[in-house]
Protein backbone atom coordinates (compact mmCIF):
# COMPACT_ATOMS: atom_id res chain seq x y z
CA MET A 1 -33.88 99.01 -8.03
CA SER A 2 -33.61 101.36 -5.05
CA TRP A 3 -34.26 100.85 -1.47
CA PRO A 4 -36.56 100.32 0.38
CA ILE A 5 -38.18 97.18 -0.93
CA THR A 6 -41.94 97.49 -0.99
CA VAL A 7 -43.99 94.40 0.02
CA ALA A 8 -47.62 95.20 -1.31
CA ASN A 9 -50.63 93.03 -0.44
CA TYR A 10 -48.73 89.60 -0.40
CA SER A 11 -51.47 86.84 0.04
CA LEU A 12 -51.24 83.04 0.11
CA SER A 13 -54.22 80.67 0.29
CA PHE A 14 -55.09 77.03 -0.52
CA THR A 15 -58.41 75.26 -0.95
CA HIS A 16 -58.22 74.10 2.67
CA LYS A 17 -56.65 77.19 4.38
CA VAL A 18 -55.57 80.76 4.32
CA CYS A 19 -51.97 81.31 5.28
CA PHE A 20 -51.99 85.01 5.17
CA GLU A 21 -53.63 87.92 3.40
CA LYS A 22 -52.87 91.44 2.24
CA PHE A 23 -49.36 91.62 3.96
CA SER A 24 -47.75 94.90 3.33
CA THR A 25 -44.50 96.43 4.65
CA ARG A 26 -41.11 98.05 3.70
CA VAL A 27 -37.76 96.32 3.88
CA TYR A 28 -34.68 98.67 4.28
CA TYR A 29 -31.16 98.07 3.42
CA GLY A 30 -29.28 96.31 6.38
CA ASP A 31 -32.56 95.07 7.98
CA ARG A 32 -32.24 91.82 9.93
CA ILE A 33 -35.55 89.99 9.62
CA ALA A 34 -36.63 86.58 10.91
CA ILE A 35 -39.80 84.87 9.73
CA VAL A 36 -41.45 82.69 12.32
CA GLY A 37 -44.58 80.62 12.59
CA ARG A 38 -45.89 77.04 12.83
CA ASN A 39 -45.37 74.48 10.08
CA GLY A 40 -47.61 75.05 7.11
CA THR A 41 -48.30 78.65 7.66
CA GLY A 42 -46.33 79.72 4.46
CA LYS A 43 -42.91 80.98 5.67
CA SER A 44 -40.92 79.32 2.79
CA THR A 45 -43.52 80.58 0.27
CA LEU A 46 -43.28 84.14 1.74
CA LEU A 47 -39.49 83.91 1.18
CA ARG A 48 -39.91 82.77 -2.36
CA MET A 49 -42.43 85.60 -3.11
CA LEU A 50 -39.96 88.05 -1.81
CA ALA A 51 -37.19 86.66 -4.02
CA GLU A 52 -39.21 86.51 -7.09
CA ALA A 53 -40.58 90.04 -6.65
CA ASN A 54 -37.00 91.37 -6.46
CA ARG A 55 -35.14 89.57 -9.28
CA ASP A 56 -33.71 92.83 -10.56
CA LEU A 57 -31.97 93.34 -7.25
CA ASN A 58 -28.66 91.64 -6.53
CA SER A 59 -30.06 88.89 -4.24
CA ALA A 60 -29.48 85.32 -3.32
CA HIS A 61 -31.97 82.73 -2.04
CA ILE A 62 -30.92 79.37 -0.50
CA PRO A 63 -34.08 77.16 -0.02
CA GLN A 64 -34.79 74.66 2.69
CA THR A 65 -34.08 71.67 0.40
CA ILE A 66 -30.97 71.83 -1.67
CA THR A 67 -31.05 69.39 -4.57
CA GLU A 68 -27.61 70.12 -6.05
CA PHE A 69 -24.43 68.33 -4.82
CA GLU A 70 -26.28 65.07 -4.32
CA ASN A 71 -23.21 63.19 -3.11
CA LEU A 72 -22.70 65.56 -0.29
CA SER A 73 -24.25 65.56 3.23
CA GLY A 74 -26.96 68.11 4.11
CA GLY A 75 -24.50 70.29 5.95
CA GLU A 76 -21.99 70.11 3.12
CA ARG A 77 -24.68 71.10 0.58
CA PHE A 78 -25.61 74.07 2.62
CA HIS A 79 -21.95 75.23 2.89
CA ARG A 80 -21.38 74.88 -0.81
CA ALA A 81 -24.56 76.74 -1.55
CA LEU A 82 -23.89 79.59 0.93
CA SER A 83 -20.39 79.91 -0.51
CA GLN A 84 -21.66 80.33 -3.97
CA ALA A 85 -24.37 82.81 -2.77
CA LEU A 86 -21.90 85.04 -0.88
CA GLY A 87 -19.56 85.03 -3.76
CA GLN A 88 -22.20 87.12 -5.63
CA LYS A 89 -21.92 89.74 -2.79
CA PRO A 90 -25.73 90.06 -2.66
CA ASP A 91 -27.49 93.09 -1.18
CA LEU A 92 -30.43 90.84 -0.15
CA LEU A 93 -29.77 87.31 1.25
CA LEU A 94 -32.75 84.98 1.90
CA LEU A 95 -32.30 81.83 3.86
CA ASP A 96 -34.75 78.99 4.61
CA GLU A 97 -33.80 77.10 7.77
CA PRO A 98 -29.99 77.59 7.23
CA THR A 99 -28.78 75.62 10.25
CA ASN A 100 -30.87 72.50 9.68
CA HIS A 101 -28.11 70.04 8.99
CA LEU A 102 -25.22 71.75 10.54
CA ASP A 103 -23.17 70.42 13.51
CA ARG A 104 -22.64 72.79 16.50
CA ARG A 105 -19.27 74.08 15.18
CA HIS A 106 -20.73 74.99 11.70
CA ARG A 107 -23.88 76.53 13.38
CA ARG A 108 -21.59 78.85 15.38
CA ASN A 109 -19.64 79.74 12.22
CA VAL A 110 -22.88 80.50 10.31
CA ARG A 111 -24.08 82.77 13.09
CA HIS A 112 -20.87 84.62 13.16
CA LEU A 113 -20.91 85.04 9.31
CA LEU A 114 -24.60 86.39 9.35
CA GLU A 115 -23.68 88.81 12.14
CA SER A 116 -21.10 90.35 9.98
CA TYR A 117 -22.97 90.21 6.61
CA PRO A 118 -23.57 93.92 5.66
CA GLY A 119 -26.69 93.56 3.52
CA THR A 120 -30.41 92.82 4.15
CA LEU A 121 -31.00 89.42 5.71
CA VAL A 122 -34.29 87.59 5.69
CA ILE A 123 -34.40 84.13 7.40
CA ALA A 124 -37.11 81.64 8.09
CA THR A 125 -36.03 79.49 11.02
CA HIS A 126 -37.11 77.54 14.03
CA ASP A 127 -33.60 77.60 15.52
CA ARG A 128 -33.78 79.28 18.95
CA GLU A 129 -30.18 80.14 19.07
CA LEU A 130 -30.21 81.76 15.64
CA LEU A 131 -33.37 83.62 16.58
CA GLU A 132 -31.85 85.02 19.76
CA SER A 133 -28.63 86.03 18.18
CA PHE A 134 -29.32 88.64 15.49
CA PRO A 135 -32.86 89.56 14.27
CA GLU A 136 -34.17 93.23 14.84
CA ILE A 137 -37.46 92.59 13.12
CA ILE A 138 -39.73 89.45 13.48
CA TRP A 139 -42.47 88.66 10.96
CA ILE A 140 -44.96 86.42 12.63
CA VAL A 141 -47.08 84.30 10.34
CA GLN A 142 -50.14 83.20 12.32
CA ASP A 143 -54.02 83.19 12.23
CA GLY A 144 -54.17 84.04 8.46
CA ARG A 145 -51.92 87.19 8.68
CA VAL A 146 -48.41 88.34 8.93
CA THR A 147 -47.67 90.68 11.93
CA VAL A 148 -44.53 92.76 12.07
CA PHE A 149 -42.73 93.02 15.46
CA ARG A 150 -39.75 95.37 15.88
CA GLY A 151 -37.33 94.05 18.55
CA SER A 152 -35.46 90.99 19.48
CA TYR A 153 -37.05 87.44 19.52
CA THR A 154 -36.68 87.46 23.26
CA ASP A 155 -38.77 90.68 23.44
CA TYR A 156 -41.34 89.20 21.05
CA GLU A 157 -41.74 86.05 23.24
CA ARG A 158 -42.22 88.16 26.34
CA GLU A 159 -44.79 90.41 24.83
CA ALA A 160 -46.52 87.37 23.22
CA GLU A 161 -46.78 85.81 26.65
CA LEU A 162 -48.11 88.80 28.28
CA ALA A 163 -50.66 89.23 25.41
CA ARG A 164 -51.58 85.43 25.91
CA GLN A 165 -52.14 85.83 29.68
CA SER A 166 -54.28 88.95 29.05
CA LEU A 167 -56.45 86.96 26.54
CA LEU A 168 -56.84 84.17 29.10
CA ARG A 169 -58.00 86.63 31.79
CA ARG A 170 -60.39 88.21 29.37
CA GLU A 171 -61.68 84.83 28.25
CA ALA A 172 -62.30 83.75 31.89
CA LEU A 173 -64.17 87.02 32.53
CA LEU A 174 -66.32 86.67 29.50
CA LYS A 175 -67.09 82.96 30.35
CA ARG A 176 -68.33 84.08 33.80
CA GLU A 177 -70.41 86.79 32.34
CA LYS A 178 -71.90 84.28 29.89
CA ALA A 179 -72.61 81.84 32.64
CA ALA A 180 -74.37 84.59 34.73
CA LEU A 181 -76.26 85.76 31.67
CA HIS A 182 -77.42 82.13 30.97
CA GLN A 183 -78.76 81.89 34.64
CA ASN A 184 -80.60 85.18 34.25
CA LEU A 185 -82.09 84.03 31.04
CA MET A 186 -83.27 80.76 32.52
CA ARG A 187 -84.73 82.62 35.53
CA GLU A 188 -86.53 85.09 33.16
CA GLN A 189 -87.92 82.25 31.11
CA GLU A 190 -89.16 80.44 34.21
CA ARG A 191 -90.86 83.75 35.43
CA ALA A 192 -92.38 84.23 32.01
CA ALA A 193 -93.72 80.67 32.12
CA GLY A 194 -95.07 81.22 35.65
CA SER A 195 -96.74 84.53 34.69
CA ARG A 196 -98.45 82.92 31.75
CA ALA A 197 -99.79 80.11 33.97
CA ALA A 198 -101.08 82.58 36.66
CA GLY A 199 -102.76 84.57 33.96
CA GLU A 200 -104.59 81.47 32.56
CA ARG A 201 -105.62 80.56 36.15
CA ASN A 202 -106.92 84.05 36.81
CA ILE A 203 -109.04 83.93 33.65
CA ILE A 204 -110.41 80.62 34.53
CA ARG A 205 -111.33 81.77 38.07
CA LYS A 206 -112.92 84.90 36.49
CA LYS A 207 -110.85 87.19 38.61
CA TRP A 208 -110.07 89.14 35.31
CA THR A 209 -112.40 89.73 32.51
CA LYS A 210 -111.30 87.73 29.48
CA MET A 211 -110.45 91.10 27.67
CA ALA A 212 -108.63 92.64 30.58
CA GLY A 213 -106.69 89.32 31.03
CA GLY A 214 -105.72 89.36 27.41
CA LEU A 215 -104.38 93.01 27.55
CA LYS A 216 -102.36 92.27 30.64
CA LYS A 217 -100.99 89.05 29.06
CA ALA A 218 -100.06 90.91 25.82
CA ARG A 219 -98.21 93.63 27.84
CA ALA A 220 -96.47 91.14 30.00
CA GLU A 221 -95.33 89.05 27.00
CA LYS A 222 -94.11 92.19 25.14
CA SER A 223 -92.10 93.21 28.23
CA ARG A 224 -90.70 89.79 28.62
CA GLY A 225 -90.00 89.45 24.93
CA GLY A 226 -87.94 92.61 25.02
CA THR A 227 -86.02 91.30 28.06
CA LEU A 228 -85.32 87.94 26.44
CA GLN A 229 -84.24 89.52 23.23
CA ALA A 230 -81.92 91.89 24.90
CA LEU A 231 -80.45 88.95 26.87
CA GLY A 232 -80.17 86.86 23.74
CA ARG A 233 -78.37 89.67 21.91
CA LYS A 234 -75.87 90.06 24.75
CA ARG A 235 -75.31 86.32 24.85
CA GLU A 236 -74.53 86.39 21.06
CA ASP A 237 -72.20 89.37 21.54
CA LEU A 238 -70.38 87.50 24.34
CA SER A 239 -69.95 84.46 22.21
CA ALA A 240 -68.42 86.55 19.31
CA GLN A 241 -65.98 88.15 21.71
CA LEU A 242 -65.03 84.73 23.08
CA SER A 243 -64.52 83.35 19.54
CA GLU A 244 -62.23 86.29 18.65
CA LEU A 245 -60.29 86.42 21.94
CA ARG A 246 -59.73 82.68 22.44
CA PRO A 247 -56.01 81.77 22.23
CA PRO A 248 -55.20 79.26 19.32
CA GLU A 249 -55.75 75.71 20.25
CA ILE A 250 -52.58 73.63 21.05
CA ILE A 251 -53.09 70.22 19.48
CA ARG A 252 -51.11 67.41 21.07
CA PRO A 253 -51.10 64.39 18.71
CA ARG A 254 -50.70 60.81 19.85
CA PHE A 255 -47.75 59.34 17.98
CA GLN A 256 -48.55 55.64 18.10
CA LEU A 257 -44.90 54.36 17.81
CA ASP A 258 -45.63 51.41 20.12
CA SER A 259 -43.41 48.56 18.77
CA ARG A 260 -45.45 45.30 19.16
CA THR A 261 -42.28 43.01 19.03
CA VAL A 262 -39.43 44.50 20.80
CA GLY A 263 -37.56 41.15 21.14
CA ALA A 264 -34.57 40.28 23.44
CA ALA A 265 -31.71 39.68 21.17
CA VAL A 266 -29.07 42.21 19.85
CA LEU A 267 -30.58 43.84 16.78
CA VAL A 268 -27.45 45.38 15.23
CA SER A 269 -23.90 44.12 15.43
CA VAL A 270 -20.90 45.25 13.30
CA ARG A 271 -17.40 43.98 13.71
CA GLY A 272 -14.44 45.41 11.73
CA GLY A 273 -16.95 47.14 9.41
CA SER A 274 -16.36 49.64 6.63
CA ALA A 275 -18.84 51.45 4.46
CA GLY A 276 -18.95 53.75 1.46
CA TYR A 277 -19.88 54.09 -2.25
CA PRO A 278 -18.28 53.01 -5.45
CA GLY A 279 -14.97 54.66 -5.57
CA ARG A 280 -15.62 56.75 -2.53
CA PRO A 281 -14.95 54.93 0.92
CA VAL A 282 -16.49 56.92 3.79
CA LEU A 283 -16.13 54.83 7.08
CA SER A 284 -13.90 52.21 8.44
CA GLY A 285 -13.09 50.52 11.83
CA ILE A 286 -16.79 50.23 12.81
CA ASN A 287 -17.64 48.07 15.87
CA LEU A 288 -21.05 48.52 17.13
CA ASP A 289 -23.75 46.67 19.04
CA VAL A 290 -27.34 47.89 19.52
CA GLY A 291 -29.77 46.01 21.81
CA PRO A 292 -33.44 45.78 21.64
CA ARG A 293 -34.12 48.87 23.82
CA LYS A 294 -30.93 50.76 23.06
CA ARG A 295 -31.10 54.32 21.87
CA LEU A 296 -28.01 55.76 20.22
CA ALA A 297 -27.12 59.18 18.90
CA LEU A 298 -24.37 59.01 16.16
CA THR A 299 -22.11 62.04 16.60
CA GLY A 300 -19.48 63.68 14.37
CA PRO A 301 -18.76 66.61 12.14
CA ASN A 302 -20.71 67.15 8.96
CA GLY A 303 -19.66 64.80 6.15
CA SER A 304 -18.16 62.22 8.64
CA GLY A 305 -20.49 59.49 7.37
CA LYS A 306 -23.37 59.36 9.97
CA THR A 307 -26.03 59.02 7.19
CA THR A 308 -23.92 56.59 5.40
CA LEU A 309 -23.79 54.37 8.46
CA LEU A 310 -27.67 54.35 8.72
CA ARG A 311 -27.90 53.38 5.10
CA ALA A 312 -25.46 50.61 5.63
CA ILE A 313 -27.39 49.19 8.60
CA MET A 314 -30.44 49.16 6.22
CA GLY A 315 -28.41 47.34 3.58
CA GLU A 316 -29.13 49.85 0.81
CA THR A 317 -27.86 48.51 -2.43
CA GLY A 318 -25.88 51.61 -3.25
CA VAL A 319 -23.80 51.26 -0.15
CA ILE A 320 -20.71 48.99 -0.10
CA ARG A 321 -20.20 47.06 3.14
CA GLU A 322 -17.22 45.13 4.31
CA GLY A 323 -16.65 43.28 7.54
CA THR A 324 -19.37 41.47 9.65
CA TRP A 325 -22.76 43.05 9.63
CA LEU A 326 -26.00 41.90 11.45
CA ALA A 327 -29.10 43.98 11.20
CA PRO A 328 -32.90 43.41 11.06
CA PRO A 329 -34.49 42.90 7.57
CA PRO A 330 -35.86 46.08 5.94
CA GLU A 331 -39.45 45.34 6.85
CA ASP A 332 -38.51 45.56 10.57
CA ILE A 333 -36.74 48.87 10.21
CA GLY A 334 -38.51 52.23 10.28
CA TYR A 335 -36.42 55.03 8.51
CA LEU A 336 -36.97 58.73 8.40
CA ASP A 337 -34.30 60.49 6.48
CA GLN A 338 -33.60 64.26 6.41
CA HIS A 339 -35.16 64.85 2.95
CA TYR A 340 -38.30 62.61 3.53
CA GLU A 341 -37.41 60.31 0.71
CA ASN A 342 -39.80 57.62 2.10
CA LEU A 343 -42.69 59.59 0.83
CA ASP A 344 -43.93 59.37 -2.73
CA PRO A 345 -44.31 62.98 -3.66
CA ARG A 346 -47.23 62.25 -5.92
CA ARG A 347 -49.22 60.52 -3.44
CA SER A 348 -51.74 61.96 -0.65
CA ALA A 349 -51.51 61.16 3.07
CA VAL A 350 -54.51 58.82 2.73
CA GLU A 351 -52.77 56.84 -0.02
CA ILE A 352 -49.47 56.71 1.72
CA ILE A 353 -51.00 55.29 5.02
CA ALA A 354 -53.14 52.82 3.21
CA GLU A 355 -50.13 51.42 1.38
CA ALA A 356 -48.16 51.30 4.63
CA ASN A 357 -50.95 49.17 6.47
CA LYS A 358 -53.07 47.39 3.94
CA GLY A 359 -55.28 45.87 6.65
CA TRP A 360 -56.76 49.17 7.83
CA THR A 361 -60.18 50.45 7.03
CA ALA A 362 -60.82 53.98 5.77
CA ILE A 363 -61.92 54.95 9.24
CA GLU A 364 -58.83 53.57 10.88
CA ILE A 365 -56.66 55.46 8.26
CA ARG A 366 -58.40 58.67 9.01
CA LYS A 367 -58.07 58.15 12.79
CA HIS A 368 -54.36 57.43 12.48
CA LEU A 369 -53.86 60.54 10.35
CA SER A 370 -55.90 62.57 12.77
CA ASP A 371 -53.45 61.68 15.59
CA PHE A 372 -50.75 63.25 13.41
CA LEU A 373 -52.74 66.45 12.87
CA PHE A 374 -54.12 65.62 9.36
CA ARG A 375 -57.68 66.23 9.92
CA LYS A 376 -59.39 68.03 7.03
CA ASN A 377 -60.39 66.39 3.85
CA GLU A 378 -58.25 68.79 1.87
CA GLU A 379 -55.22 68.05 3.99
CA VAL A 380 -55.33 64.24 3.81
CA ARG A 381 -55.93 64.38 0.01
CA THR A 382 -53.07 66.81 -0.81
CA ALA A 383 -49.98 65.38 -2.56
CA ALA A 384 -47.04 65.02 -0.27
CA ALA A 385 -44.90 67.33 -2.57
CA CYS A 386 -47.34 70.24 -1.76
CA LEU A 387 -46.85 69.78 2.04
CA SER A 388 -44.57 72.05 4.09
CA GLY A 389 -41.43 70.52 5.60
CA GLY A 390 -42.96 69.95 9.06
CA GLU A 391 -46.05 68.38 7.47
CA ARG A 392 -43.82 65.92 5.52
CA ALA A 393 -41.97 65.17 8.87
CA ARG A 394 -45.31 64.37 10.52
CA LEU A 395 -46.41 62.29 7.53
CA SER A 396 -43.23 60.36 7.49
CA LEU A 397 -43.61 59.47 11.19
CA ALA A 398 -47.31 58.61 10.51
CA LYS A 399 -46.07 56.17 7.82
CA ILE A 400 -43.61 54.55 10.16
CA ALA A 401 -46.12 54.33 12.98
CA ALA A 402 -48.64 52.60 10.77
CA ARG A 403 -46.40 49.51 11.04
CA PRO A 404 -44.41 49.85 14.27
CA PRO A 405 -40.78 48.75 13.52
CA LYS A 406 -38.28 47.00 15.83
CA LEU A 407 -35.59 49.44 14.91
CA LEU A 408 -36.19 53.13 14.37
CA LEU A 409 -33.50 55.13 12.34
CA LEU A 410 -33.92 58.88 12.53
CA ASP A 411 -31.75 61.37 10.44
CA GLU A 412 -32.23 64.97 11.68
CA ILE A 413 -35.90 64.47 12.63
CA THR A 414 -36.05 67.90 14.41
CA ASN A 415 -35.23 69.75 11.11
CA ASN A 416 -37.92 71.80 9.51
CA ILE A 417 -40.38 71.43 12.40
CA ASP A 418 -41.71 74.23 14.54
CA LEU A 419 -40.97 74.40 18.28
CA GLU A 420 -44.30 73.07 19.52
CA THR A 421 -44.08 70.02 17.19
CA ARG A 422 -40.48 69.36 18.19
CA ARG A 423 -41.57 69.27 21.91
CA GLN A 424 -44.43 66.88 20.89
CA ILE A 425 -42.05 64.47 18.91
CA GLY A 426 -39.50 64.59 21.84
CA ASP A 427 -42.07 63.70 24.41
CA ILE A 428 -43.51 60.66 22.41
CA LEU A 429 -39.99 59.31 21.31
CA SER A 430 -38.86 59.63 24.95
CA ARG A 431 -41.47 56.71 25.53
CA TYR A 432 -40.63 54.77 22.52
CA PRO A 433 -40.16 51.20 23.63
CA ALA A 434 -37.82 49.67 20.98
CA ALA A 435 -34.28 50.36 19.59
CA MET A 436 -33.45 53.71 18.06
CA ILE A 437 -30.47 55.14 16.34
CA CYS A 438 -30.65 58.84 15.57
CA ILE A 439 -28.63 61.66 13.93
CA SER A 440 -29.23 65.14 15.54
CA HIS A 441 -27.35 68.23 16.23
CA ASP A 442 -30.18 69.34 18.63
CA GLU A 443 -28.61 68.80 22.07
CA ASP A 444 -31.88 69.42 23.88
CA PHE A 445 -33.65 66.80 21.81
CA LEU A 446 -30.99 64.24 22.48
CA THR A 447 -31.21 64.83 26.21
CA GLU A 448 -34.95 64.61 26.06
CA ILE A 449 -34.97 61.13 24.48
CA ALA A 450 -32.06 60.00 26.73
CA ALA A 451 -29.98 59.04 23.76
CA GLU A 452 -26.32 57.71 24.44
CA LYS A 453 -23.77 59.37 22.16
CA TRP A 454 -21.63 57.19 19.89
CA ASP A 455 -18.76 58.91 17.98
CA VAL A 456 -18.63 57.85 14.36
CA PRO A 457 -15.02 56.61 13.63
CA ILE A 458 -13.50 59.25 11.35
CA GLY A 459 -11.14 57.51 8.99
CA PRO A 460 -8.48 58.87 6.64
CA PHE A 461 -11.29 59.72 3.97
CA PHE A 462 -12.77 62.53 6.01
CA SER A 463 -12.13 66.10 5.12
CA CYS A 464 -13.86 69.03 6.88
CA LEU A 465 -15.24 71.82 4.74
């Protein structure tokens, strides 16, 4: 196959929404392209469509969720997959959220690697640092179409803000015109009503003959009718312009993570603890205390055992623990892992929330899902396996919030979500009243939720890839 790659009329739609239609462009060798857009707009599918349409090209595609290498951490899985992909020396490299599970050092290494990669690079990402480091072309998936912007992400944001401000000014102007038009229409209708009443009175008083009065009335009504029709058409035109120009609605969901029973005692206490798997020790020398309102951020390199520590606190049967461990029972712990394994992929949002809180009525379930942006019938009845990464993150939080826990465990919760949703989650979790232990490489997020950092004790078992 020769360059450039032709993208011809790519379309993606579901029963409940249109993601994009008739997207056409050309991709040249050496292009640096970033795909951006809110969760659920079809960015990952667009990457897959590009990969499948160019199988005869030497290409490599690393998806968002890597199912191979199940004994490795998320960051280690990506490193292994990227090493295998680059070993093929592909001309086209397609990456879906490549920095999701990486610590700061590995994120920096990946950026340097991508900056020196000679082929064509297409990345779907919400990582601001990555977006600001290399792309020359931005594909924006929004409002049912894909728009191509040539320039840096900073340039795109600046122009997008200017366009938004222009839309807001145009919207305000149209609203003023529409309000003035409404007042004119009301006055015209009042004048018409007054003229009809005066005509009737004149006929009654015999100032006009009945025939002359009828002719005058007909001419007046015709004139008024034309004026009213003209005003009505203008009002419809203004309404149509407002509908087209109005900026997209920013929905701010209410995440009801309000723990009912915070308690006063220490929730987690570990003394001389170790944790690992059969034949594979991971952590040792763990000494940890977590109070009822403590919020802790586990820090350490990829593969150092942060996720293993969370699983040990939950008492998972596959994790071997030694030492003294005190932790709440599983029913008092809310856990969101980085692969959303708390969701049954075959079940819909309605079914998942109904199971989480068996006492809720159908109306209460829909209200709860609405708070988490699941509002249409098609959305709440779609199987979890068919949801985007960000949608699964929201549904996982909704499941946890359906029965507020005493202890909340979060493993890379800001992965896979767009920047707006990340801000929403950060705002709500900053007000969460109970204990929280989280894993995140997002420094801004950790600052926002005021999490105290706690270094995972790295034992002799650790080896950095």
